[in-house]
Amino acid sequence: MEPHGTRERVDDRLTEEDASQTYGEFDTDSVFNMSTLHNMSIYGDVDEECKFLDSDLQERNVTLLRQDDGKSSKYENFIVSKLCPTVETYLSQDKGLPKVYIKPKFLGRNCFEKVAIASYQGSGSSLLRKYIENITYILTGSDRDTSTVLGKQYQCDLGLEGEGVAGKKVWIVKTSFPEEIGEKQISIRKCILVCQNPCDAIFKHFCKIITKRIDDELSDELMDRLQECWEDFVHQEVHVWRKFYDYWMLASKIPTYCVRYEDLMEDPKTVLTDVFKFLLDADSIEGTVIEGLISKELCPEKELYYQREASGESFDKFTDAQMDLLKSKAGCVIRRLGYGSNFMSPINPIATTDYFENDELITESKKYELDTIVKNRDEHEIKVRYDYVELNKLALSQVKGRQQMDQSKLPIFKLNHESEKLRELGIKQCLRPYKLLIKEIAMTLF
């Protein structure tokens, strides 16, 4: 909430005492020391090095505001550029960070490679985003349209303040491309691919569309009324879900690391440790600042903040025929992401997710994949394509030593090209025959 009152610049120069009052006490052994702030013009510094700011956010450059009563108040949306973290900041020996890092903010200066968090909608990527924001103290962005009802809820209800921001102010950007074409074209160098079992993901996506709420589920009574609508939606989305994960896992031209929502719930420390090894191009983060920040965020006192929905509770929403469709058309991805059981080469993921039996329908899907996707591939490539754990090992090996590489020669991938969208029919076209019914149900929910 923006403070009320007349905005007026405070003294452009900060003394050590002023900085201490503004930012809190600093540890003398911190990665940064007080000399970083001493005699620094917070206005000049941010104004000069944040010229990329959106016009509607330009006013947020200021850190201090003077009210009508003459008192000053904090208004911090950016980490001032001289305090902006880098890869080296997080990988240095753990001596703590200055207490200027009190909440996630935009970057006043961005030294990071742009990274996308890609997920089919309803797969739980918001949980990973909140972990990353609270661990790094950097807001994540997205290519979402924040003028929509759902976009505003991500911003306000979930506290994802960077929603709709995709430029230099953020390091990591959430996207659902190519399932959905985002509002902004973005060039990225890495991708974190988030997934959840298809039944939960597809059902949650359907609920968001019908209820216009990010956290509401449809009751059995409402699902009975929406039976035909749900049937048409499932028939389209089974193919979209499979194509989405094929797109990112089989044809990605940039390092891509897969995070399963179920694994993140089961063992967040292990998952987040590997995620930051991937993000920071590190073999190990033992003894570093980032390891300390992960441990701090996973303390028991913060468990309630990360309230997590149980996984695997939407299977009863699918009829036998719909489950057969899912296995026959998307069984290859189900197996690759560790959601099956009794396979000849088990993946052994962190969380137990043997939701699907290895039956003839899965076999049919496997034959399709062998005939169309992995023909004439070498053994290692086939193994990577059949196992998300192997894909992650490959991704970690690809980022080793990236900091010493010529950045101009690293591959870049551009998001949100209209020509690559996966749906033959958009969501609105698919559900158009049920428009009046959906509107009637929406009215009863509000």
Protein backbone atom coordinates (compact mmCIF):
# COMPACT_ATOMS: atom_id res chain seq x y z
CA MET A 1 0.00 0.00 0.00
CA GLU A 2 1.49 3.34 -1.02
CA PRO A 3 1.92 5.79 1.90
CA HIS A 4 -0.30 8.85 1.90
CA GLY A 5 1.03 12.37 1.92
CA THR A 6 3.15 14.63 -0.25
CA ARG A 7 6.22 12.95 -1.71
CA GLU A 8 9.43 14.86 -1.24
CA ARG A 9 13.03 13.76 -1.44
CA VAL A 10 14.92 13.37 1.77
CA ASP A 11 18.63 14.25 1.90
CA ASP A 12 20.21 12.48 -1.09
CA ARG A 13 23.21 11.37 0.97
CA LEU A 14 23.00 8.81 3.74
CA THR A 15 25.24 8.89 6.75
CA GLU A 16 26.10 5.62 8.46
CA GLU A 17 23.56 6.44 11.16
CA ASP A 18 20.87 7.20 8.56
CA ALA A 19 21.55 3.95 6.77
CA SER A 20 21.37 2.02 10.00
CA GLN A 21 17.99 3.55 10.79
CA THR A 22 16.71 2.93 7.29
CA TYR A 23 18.00 -0.56 6.67
CA GLY A 24 18.52 -1.98 10.15
CA GLU A 25 21.77 -3.02 11.83
CA PHE A 26 24.39 -4.79 9.72
CA ASP A 27 26.60 -7.68 10.74
CA THR A 28 30.26 -6.67 10.48
CA ASP A 29 31.01 -10.03 8.90
CA SER A 30 28.29 -9.70 6.27
CA VAL A 31 28.95 -10.29 2.61
CA PHE A 32 28.43 -6.53 2.20
CA ASN A 33 29.73 -3.99 4.71
CA MET A 34 28.61 -0.53 5.78
CA SER A 35 30.96 1.20 3.36
CA THR A 36 28.67 -0.03 0.58
CA LEU A 37 25.96 2.32 1.82
CA HIS A 38 28.07 5.14 3.25
CA ASN A 39 27.56 8.42 1.38
CA MET A 40 25.52 6.66 -1.30
CA SER A 41 22.81 8.63 -3.08
CA ILE A 42 19.94 6.20 -3.08
CA TYR A 43 17.99 8.34 -5.50
CA GLY A 44 20.77 9.06 -7.94
CA ASP A 45 21.97 5.48 -7.79
CA VAL A 46 18.60 3.94 -8.53
CA ASP A 47 17.58 6.58 -11.05
CA GLU A 48 20.80 6.14 -13.04
CA GLU A 49 20.92 2.36 -13.05
CA CYS A 50 17.18 1.53 -13.23
CA LYS A 51 16.30 3.33 -16.45
CA PHE A 52 14.52 0.17 -17.56
CA LEU A 53 11.70 0.69 -15.06
CA ASP A 54 8.12 0.62 -16.37
CA SER A 55 6.57 4.07 -16.34
CA ASP A 56 3.86 3.01 -13.90
CA LEU A 57 6.54 1.84 -11.49
CA GLN A 58 8.92 4.77 -11.90
CA GLU A 59 7.62 6.38 -8.73
CA ARG A 60 8.75 3.33 -6.79
CA ASN A 61 12.41 4.26 -7.28
CA VAL A 62 12.41 6.14 -4.03
CA THR A 63 13.28 4.42 -0.79
CA LEU A 64 12.32 7.16 1.63
CA LEU A 65 9.23 9.37 1.53
CA ARG A 66 8.60 12.46 3.61
CA GLN A 67 5.02 12.74 4.87
CA ASP A 68 3.04 15.95 5.45
CA ASP A 69 3.93 15.76 9.12
CA GLY A 70 7.63 15.88 8.27
CA LYS A 71 8.34 12.28 9.23
CA SER A 72 10.05 9.82 6.92
CA SER A 73 8.80 6.35 6.13
CA LYS A 74 10.23 3.39 4.27
CA TYR A 75 8.94 2.51 0.85
CA GLU A 76 11.18 -0.19 -0.55
CA ASN A 77 10.28 -1.99 -3.75
CA PHE A 78 13.78 -2.26 -5.19
CA ILE A 79 17.05 -3.50 -3.83
CA VAL A 80 19.28 -0.50 -4.53
CA SER A 81 21.79 -1.41 -7.19
CA LYS A 82 24.91 -1.27 -5.02
CA LEU A 83 23.34 -3.91 -2.76
CA CYS A 84 21.91 -6.14 -5.49
CA PRO A 85 23.00 -9.76 -5.08
CA THR A 86 24.91 -11.71 -7.71
CA VAL A 87 25.71 -15.39 -8.20
CA GLU A 88 28.89 -14.81 -6.18
CA THR A 89 26.84 -13.34 -3.32
CA TYR A 90 24.86 -16.54 -2.85
CA LEU A 91 27.85 -18.84 -3.35
CA SER A 92 30.17 -17.03 -0.93
CA GLN A 93 30.85 -18.50 2.50
CA ASP A 94 27.86 -18.18 4.77
CA LYS A 95 28.35 -15.09 6.90
CA GLY A 96 24.79 -13.89 6.50
CA LEU A 97 23.30 -11.08 4.45
CA PRO A 98 22.77 -7.47 5.51
CA LYS A 99 19.42 -6.86 7.14
CA VAL A 100 18.46 -4.69 4.19
CA TYR A 101 17.18 -8.04 2.91
CA ILE A 102 13.95 -8.05 4.88
CA LYS A 103 11.47 -8.95 2.15
CA PRO A 104 11.53 -9.89 -1.56
CA LYS A 105 12.02 -6.91 -3.87
CA PHE A 106 12.74 -6.06 -7.49
CA LEU A 107 16.34 -5.83 -8.63
CA GLY A 108 17.85 -2.37 -9.06
CA ARG A 109 20.60 -4.04 -11.09
CA ASN A 110 20.27 -7.48 -12.65
CA CYS A 111 23.41 -9.60 -13.14
CA PHE A 112 21.61 -12.94 -13.56
CA GLU A 113 20.77 -15.07 -16.57
CA LYS A 114 17.05 -14.93 -17.30
CA VAL A 115 15.35 -18.14 -16.17
CA ALA A 116 11.79 -19.32 -16.81
CA ILE A 117 9.63 -21.39 -14.49
CA ALA A 118 7.40 -23.22 -16.97
CA SER A 119 4.38 -25.25 -15.93
CA TYR A 120 1.03 -26.42 -17.17
CA GLN A 121 -1.51 -24.34 -15.27
CA GLY A 122 -2.59 -25.93 -11.98
CA SER A 123 0.72 -27.71 -11.39
CA GLY A 124 1.78 -25.91 -8.21
CA SER A 125 4.49 -23.59 -9.52
CA SER A 126 3.38 -20.84 -7.12
CA LEU A 127 4.76 -22.88 -4.21
CA LEU A 128 8.21 -22.99 -5.83
CA ARG A 129 8.03 -19.28 -6.64
CA LYS A 130 7.31 -18.37 -3.01
CA TYR A 131 10.20 -20.52 -1.81
CA ILE A 132 12.57 -18.87 -4.29
CA GLU A 133 11.38 -15.36 -3.46
CA ASN A 134 11.71 -15.81 0.30
CA ILE A 135 15.10 -17.53 0.02
CA THR A 136 16.71 -15.08 -2.43
CA TYR A 137 14.81 -11.91 -1.40
CA ILE A 138 14.19 -11.29 -5.11
CA LEU A 139 10.67 -11.12 -6.53
CA THR A 140 9.82 -13.48 -9.37
CA GLY A 141 7.92 -12.19 -12.39
CA SER A 142 5.54 -13.65 -14.93
CA ASP A 143 4.25 -13.10 -18.44
CA ARG A 144 0.65 -13.15 -17.17
CA ASP A 145 -1.95 -10.48 -17.88
CA THR A 146 -2.54 -8.88 -14.47
CA SER A 147 -5.67 -7.08 -15.62
CA THR A 148 -7.60 -10.35 -15.42
CA VAL A 149 -9.44 -11.58 -12.33
CA LEU A 150 -7.02 -14.48 -11.85
CA GLY A 151 -3.96 -12.32 -12.53
CA LYS A 152 -4.95 -9.91 -9.78
CA GLN A 153 -5.46 -12.79 -7.34
CA TYR A 154 -1.94 -14.09 -7.93
CA GLN A 155 -0.68 -10.60 -7.20
CA CYS A 156 -2.83 -9.79 -4.16
CA ASP A 157 -4.00 -13.07 -2.60
CA LEU A 158 -0.79 -15.06 -3.08
CA GLY A 159 1.47 -12.06 -2.61
CA LEU A 160 3.32 -12.57 -5.89
CA GLU A 161 4.05 -8.87 -6.30
CA GLY A 162 6.09 -9.34 -9.47
CA GLU A 163 3.16 -10.79 -11.39
CA GLY A 164 3.08 -9.33 -14.89
CA VAL A 165 6.69 -8.09 -14.69
CA ALA A 166 9.14 -9.80 -17.04
CA GLY A 167 11.97 -7.33 -17.71
CA LYS A 168 15.28 -6.57 -16.02
CA LYS A 169 13.69 -6.06 -12.63
CA VAL A 170 13.37 -9.83 -12.15
CA TRP A 171 15.65 -12.84 -12.44
CA ILE A 172 13.03 -15.58 -12.80
CA VAL A 173 9.81 -15.39 -14.83
CA LYS A 174 6.82 -17.75 -14.62
CA THR A 175 5.28 -18.86 -17.93
CA SER A 176 2.78 -21.41 -19.19
CA PHE A 177 4.11 -21.21 -22.75
CA PRO A 178 3.29 -22.95 -25.06
CA GLU A 179 0.12 -24.10 -23.29
CA GLU A 180 -0.79 -20.42 -23.08
CA ILE A 181 0.75 -17.52 -24.98
CA GLY A 182 1.92 -14.90 -22.48
CA GLU A 183 1.62 -11.14 -22.70
CA LYS A 184 5.33 -10.52 -23.30
CA GLN A 185 7.99 -12.08 -25.49
CA ILE A 186 10.94 -13.04 -23.29
CA SER A 187 14.41 -14.40 -24.02
CA ILE A 188 15.60 -16.99 -21.50
CA ARG A 189 18.74 -19.08 -21.01
CA LYS A 190 17.45 -21.75 -18.60
CA CYS A 191 14.15 -23.33 -17.64
CA ILE A 192 12.77 -24.92 -14.47
CA LEU A 193 9.93 -27.18 -15.54
CA VAL A 194 7.30 -27.75 -12.82
CA CYS A 195 4.87 -30.65 -13.04
CA GLN A 196 2.16 -32.37 -11.02
CA ASN A 197 0.29 -35.58 -11.77
CA PRO A 198 -2.09 -34.92 -14.68
CA CYS A 199 -5.34 -35.60 -12.80
CA ASP A 200 -4.65 -32.97 -10.16
CA ALA A 201 -3.27 -30.46 -12.67
CA ILE A 202 -6.12 -30.76 -15.19
CA PHE A 203 -8.83 -30.66 -12.50
CA LYS A 204 -7.29 -27.60 -10.78
CA HIS A 205 -7.02 -25.83 -14.13
CA PHE A 206 -10.70 -26.54 -14.80
CA CYS A 207 -11.71 -25.24 -11.37
CA LYS A 208 -9.84 -21.96 -11.94
CA ILE A 209 -11.60 -21.42 -15.25
CA ILE A 210 -15.08 -22.08 -13.85
CA THR A 211 -14.80 -20.40 -10.44
CA LYS A 212 -12.48 -17.54 -11.45
CA ARG A 213 -10.65 -18.26 -8.20
CA ILE A 214 -7.13 -19.63 -7.79
CA ASP A 215 -7.93 -21.69 -4.70
CA ASP A 216 -11.54 -22.90 -5.04
CA GLU A 217 -12.55 -26.44 -5.95
CA LEU A 218 -15.84 -27.48 -7.52
CA SER A 219 -18.13 -29.63 -5.40
CA ASP A 220 -19.43 -33.00 -6.59
CA GLU A 221 -22.85 -31.40 -7.10
CA LEU A 222 -21.44 -28.74 -9.41
CA MET A 223 -19.31 -31.29 -11.25
CA ASP A 224 -22.49 -33.28 -11.97
CA ARG A 225 -24.00 -30.20 -13.58
CA LEU A 226 -20.82 -29.63 -15.58
CA GLN A 227 -20.43 -33.24 -16.70
CA GLU A 228 -20.54 -32.57 -20.47
CA CYS A 229 -18.38 -29.47 -20.14
CA TRP A 230 -15.83 -31.43 -18.09
CA GLU A 231 -15.83 -34.24 -20.67
CA ASP A 232 -14.97 -31.87 -23.52
CA PHE A 233 -12.33 -30.14 -21.40
CA VAL A 234 -10.61 -33.43 -20.47
CA HIS A 235 -10.56 -34.59 -24.10
CA GLN A 236 -8.70 -31.43 -25.11
CA GLU A 237 -6.43 -31.04 -22.10
CA VAL A 238 -5.08 -34.61 -22.05
CA HIS A 239 -3.41 -33.85 -25.37
CA VAL A 240 -2.30 -30.36 -24.27
CA TRP A 241 -0.76 -31.71 -21.04
CA ARG A 242 1.23 -34.35 -22.95
CA LYS A 243 2.37 -31.94 -25.65
CA PHE A 244 3.41 -29.36 -23.06
CA TYR A 245 5.84 -31.70 -21.28
CA ASP A 246 7.05 -33.23 -24.55
CA TYR A 247 7.81 -29.70 -25.73
CA TRP A 248 10.02 -28.84 -22.77
CA MET A 249 11.58 -32.25 -22.10
CA LEU A 250 12.21 -33.58 -25.60
CA ALA A 251 13.03 -30.53 -27.67
CA SER A 252 14.41 -27.89 -25.30
CA LYS A 253 17.46 -26.06 -26.64
CA ILE A 254 18.44 -24.70 -23.21
CA PRO A 255 19.26 -26.46 -19.91
CA THR A 256 15.94 -27.61 -18.40
CA TYR A 257 15.51 -28.89 -14.85
CA CYS A 258 12.33 -30.69 -13.79
CA VAL A 259 10.69 -30.14 -10.38
CA ARG A 260 7.74 -32.31 -9.39
CA TYR A 261 5.25 -30.68 -7.01
CA GLU A 262 4.99 -33.96 -5.12
CA ASP A 263 8.76 -34.07 -4.53
CA LEU A 264 8.78 -30.45 -3.38
CA MET A 265 6.09 -31.28 -0.82
CA GLU A 266 7.82 -34.45 0.36
CA ASP A 267 11.38 -33.13 0.71
CA PRO A 268 11.71 -29.39 0.03
CA LYS A 269 15.31 -29.21 1.25
CA THR A 270 16.61 -31.76 -1.26
CA VAL A 271 14.61 -30.29 -4.12
CA LEU A 272 15.54 -26.67 -3.37
CA THR A 273 19.21 -27.56 -2.93
CA ASP A 274 19.30 -29.02 -6.45
CA VAL A 275 17.25 -26.15 -7.86
CA PHE A 276 19.78 -23.61 -6.59
CA LYS A 277 22.69 -25.68 -7.86
CA PHE A 278 21.02 -25.41 -11.25
CA LEU A 279 20.26 -21.69 -10.92
CA LEU A 280 23.74 -20.79 -9.64
CA ASP A 281 25.75 -23.17 -11.88
CA ALA A 282 27.26 -24.86 -8.83
CA ASP A 283 28.48 -28.40 -8.14
CA SER A 284 27.71 -27.89 -4.46
CA ILE A 285 26.22 -25.18 -2.23
CA GLU A 286 27.53 -26.64 1.02
CA GLY A 287 28.63 -23.94 3.46
CA THR A 288 27.39 -21.10 1.27
CA VAL A 289 25.03 -18.19 1.84
CA ILE A 290 22.31 -19.85 -0.21
CA GLU A 291 22.46 -23.05 1.84
CA GLY A 292 22.00 -20.96 4.99
CA LEU A 293 19.07 -19.12 3.45
CA ILE A 294 17.39 -22.40 2.47
CA SER A 295 17.78 -23.77 5.99
CA LYS A 296 16.42 -20.54 7.46
CA GLU A 297 13.34 -20.66 5.23
CA LEU A 298 12.64 -24.31 6.05
CA CYS A 299 12.58 -23.83 9.80
CA PRO A 300 9.53 -25.34 11.60
CA GLU A 301 8.15 -21.88 12.43
CA LYS A 302 7.46 -21.25 8.74
CA GLU A 303 5.71 -24.52 7.92
CA LEU A 304 2.24 -23.00 8.24
CA TYR A 305 3.15 -20.29 5.74
CA TYR A 306 3.71 -22.92 3.08
CA GLN A 307 0.33 -24.60 3.34
CA ARG A 308 0.34 -27.24 0.65
CA GLU A 309 -2.48 -29.12 -0.98
CA ALA A 310 -2.25 -32.88 -0.82
CA SER A 311 -1.44 -34.57 -4.10
CA GLY A 312 -3.42 -37.32 -5.80
CA GLU A 313 -6.87 -36.29 -4.59
CA SER A 314 -8.51 -35.54 -7.95
CA PHE A 315 -8.51 -39.02 -9.45
CA ASP A 316 -12.14 -39.61 -8.48
CA LYS A 317 -13.16 -36.72 -10.76
CA PHE A 318 -12.18 -38.80 -13.81
CA THR A 319 -14.38 -41.53 -15.26
CA ASP A 320 -12.88 -44.88 -16.29
CA ALA A 321 -13.10 -43.81 -19.92
CA GLN A 322 -11.28 -40.55 -19.17
CA MET A 323 -8.56 -42.40 -17.27
CA ASP A 324 -8.13 -44.77 -20.22
CA LEU A 325 -7.82 -41.78 -22.54
CA LEU A 326 -5.20 -40.26 -20.26
CA LYS A 327 -3.12 -43.43 -20.14
CA SER A 328 -3.32 -44.18 -23.85
CA LYS A 329 -2.59 -40.65 -25.05
CA ALA A 330 -0.25 -39.38 -22.30
CA GLY A 331 1.17 -42.58 -20.81
CA CYS A 332 4.63 -41.81 -22.17
CA VAL A 333 4.79 -38.59 -20.14
CA ILE A 334 3.15 -40.22 -17.10
CA ARG A 335 5.94 -42.79 -17.08
CA ARG A 336 8.69 -40.25 -17.79
CA LEU A 337 7.63 -38.09 -14.82
CA GLY A 338 7.46 -41.02 -12.38
CA TYR A 339 3.69 -41.28 -12.00
CA GLY A 340 3.45 -44.98 -12.83
CA SER A 341 4.16 -48.27 -11.06
CA ASN A 342 5.51 -51.71 -11.96
CA PHE A 343 7.68 -50.52 -14.81
CA MET A 344 10.70 -52.51 -15.92
CA SER A 345 12.98 -49.53 -15.21
CA PRO A 346 11.52 -47.70 -12.20
CA ILE A 347 12.48 -44.06 -11.77
CA ASN A 348 12.42 -44.07 -7.95
CA PRO A 349 11.42 -40.44 -7.41
CA ILE A 350 11.60 -38.66 -4.03
CA ALA A 351 7.85 -38.91 -3.41
CA THR A 352 5.91 -42.13 -3.92
CA THR A 353 3.63 -41.39 -6.87
CA ASP A 354 2.75 -44.75 -8.39
CA TYR A 355 -0.70 -43.58 -9.45
CA PHE A 356 -0.91 -45.44 -12.76
CA GLU A 357 -0.50 -49.17 -13.31
CA ASN A 358 1.67 -50.33 -16.18
CA ASP A 359 -1.16 -51.84 -18.25
CA GLU A 360 -1.80 -52.33 -21.96
CA LEU A 361 -2.85 -48.70 -22.39
CA ILE A 362 0.49 -47.47 -21.08
CA THR A 363 2.17 -50.01 -23.35
CA GLU A 364 0.24 -48.59 -26.28
CA SER A 365 1.49 -45.12 -25.39
CA LYS A 366 5.04 -46.44 -25.04
CA LYS A 367 4.87 -47.96 -28.53
CA TYR A 368 3.69 -44.63 -29.90
CA GLU A 369 6.65 -42.89 -28.29
CA LEU A 370 9.15 -45.45 -29.56
CA ASP A 371 7.77 -45.17 -33.09
CA THR A 372 7.57 -41.40 -33.25
CA ILE A 373 9.96 -39.80 -30.75
CA VAL A 374 13.00 -41.89 -29.95
CA LYS A 375 13.57 -43.81 -33.18
CA ASN A 376 17.23 -43.70 -34.25
CA ARG A 377 18.34 -42.12 -30.96
CA ASP A 378 21.35 -43.31 -29.02
CA GLU A 379 20.93 -45.17 -25.71
CA HIS A 380 21.82 -42.20 -23.48
CA GLU A 381 19.35 -39.90 -25.21
CA ILE A 382 16.59 -42.47 -24.89
CA LYS A 383 17.36 -42.86 -21.18
CA VAL A 384 17.16 -39.11 -20.63
CA ARG A 385 13.84 -38.94 -22.47
CA TYR A 386 12.39 -41.78 -20.41
CA ASP A 387 13.35 -40.54 -16.96
CA TYR A 388 13.06 -37.04 -15.48
CA VAL A 389 15.80 -37.88 -12.95
CA GLU A 390 18.23 -38.50 -15.81
CA LEU A 391 17.07 -35.31 -17.49
CA ASN A 392 17.95 -33.41 -14.30
CA LYS A 393 21.40 -34.98 -14.14
CA LEU A 394 21.96 -33.82 -17.70
CA ALA A 395 20.75 -30.29 -16.85
CA LEU A 396 23.13 -30.01 -13.88
CA SER A 397 26.04 -31.17 -16.02
CA GLN A 398 25.17 -28.60 -18.69
CA VAL A 399 25.40 -25.64 -16.30
CA LYS A 400 28.76 -26.53 -14.74
CA GLY A 401 31.27 -23.79 -15.39
CA ARG A 402 28.77 -21.52 -17.17
CA GLN A 403 30.06 -18.47 -15.31
CA GLN A 404 33.42 -18.87 -17.10
CA MET A 405 31.85 -19.30 -20.54
CA ASP A 406 31.38 -16.59 -23.14
CA GLN A 407 27.82 -15.51 -22.31
CA SER A 408 27.21 -14.32 -25.87
CA LYS A 409 27.65 -17.90 -27.12
CA LEU A 410 25.17 -19.51 -24.73
CA PRO A 411 21.88 -20.54 -26.34
CA ILE A 412 18.87 -18.25 -25.95
CA PHE A 413 15.27 -19.35 -26.19
CA LYS A 414 12.39 -16.98 -26.94
CA LEU A 415 9.02 -17.49 -25.28
CA ASN A 416 5.51 -16.66 -26.43
CA HIS A 417 5.58 -17.06 -30.17
CA GLU A 418 1.98 -17.36 -31.34
CA SER A 419 2.93 -19.99 -33.93
CA GLU A 420 3.85 -22.51 -31.22
CA LYS A 421 0.63 -22.57 -29.18
CA LEU A 422 -0.56 -26.09 -28.38
CA ARG A 423 -4.34 -25.74 -28.39
CA GLU A 424 -6.21 -26.11 -31.65
CA LEU A 425 -9.13 -24.54 -29.82
CA GLY A 426 -8.59 -21.95 -27.13
CA ILE A 427 -10.19 -22.47 -23.71
CA LYS A 428 -12.98 -20.04 -24.53
CA GLN A 429 -13.81 -21.78 -27.80
CA CYS A 430 -13.73 -25.21 -26.16
CA LEU A 431 -16.17 -24.15 -23.43
CA ARG A 432 -18.31 -21.79 -25.50
CA PRO A 433 -21.27 -24.21 -25.73
CA TYR A 434 -21.47 -24.10 -21.92
CA LYS A 435 -21.08 -20.35 -21.53
CA LEU A 436 -24.49 -19.75 -19.94
CA LEU A 437 -24.13 -22.69 -17.54
CA ILE A 438 -20.66 -21.56 -16.45
CA LYS A 439 -21.93 -18.01 -15.90
CA GLU A 440 -24.86 -19.31 -13.85
CA ILE A 441 -22.54 -21.41 -11.66
CA ALA A 442 -20.10 -18.52 -11.26
CA MET A 443 -22.93 -16.31 -10.01
CA THR A 444 -23.86 -18.85 -7.32
CA LEU A 445 -20.25 -19.04 -6.12
CA PHE A 446 -19.88 -15.32 -5.52
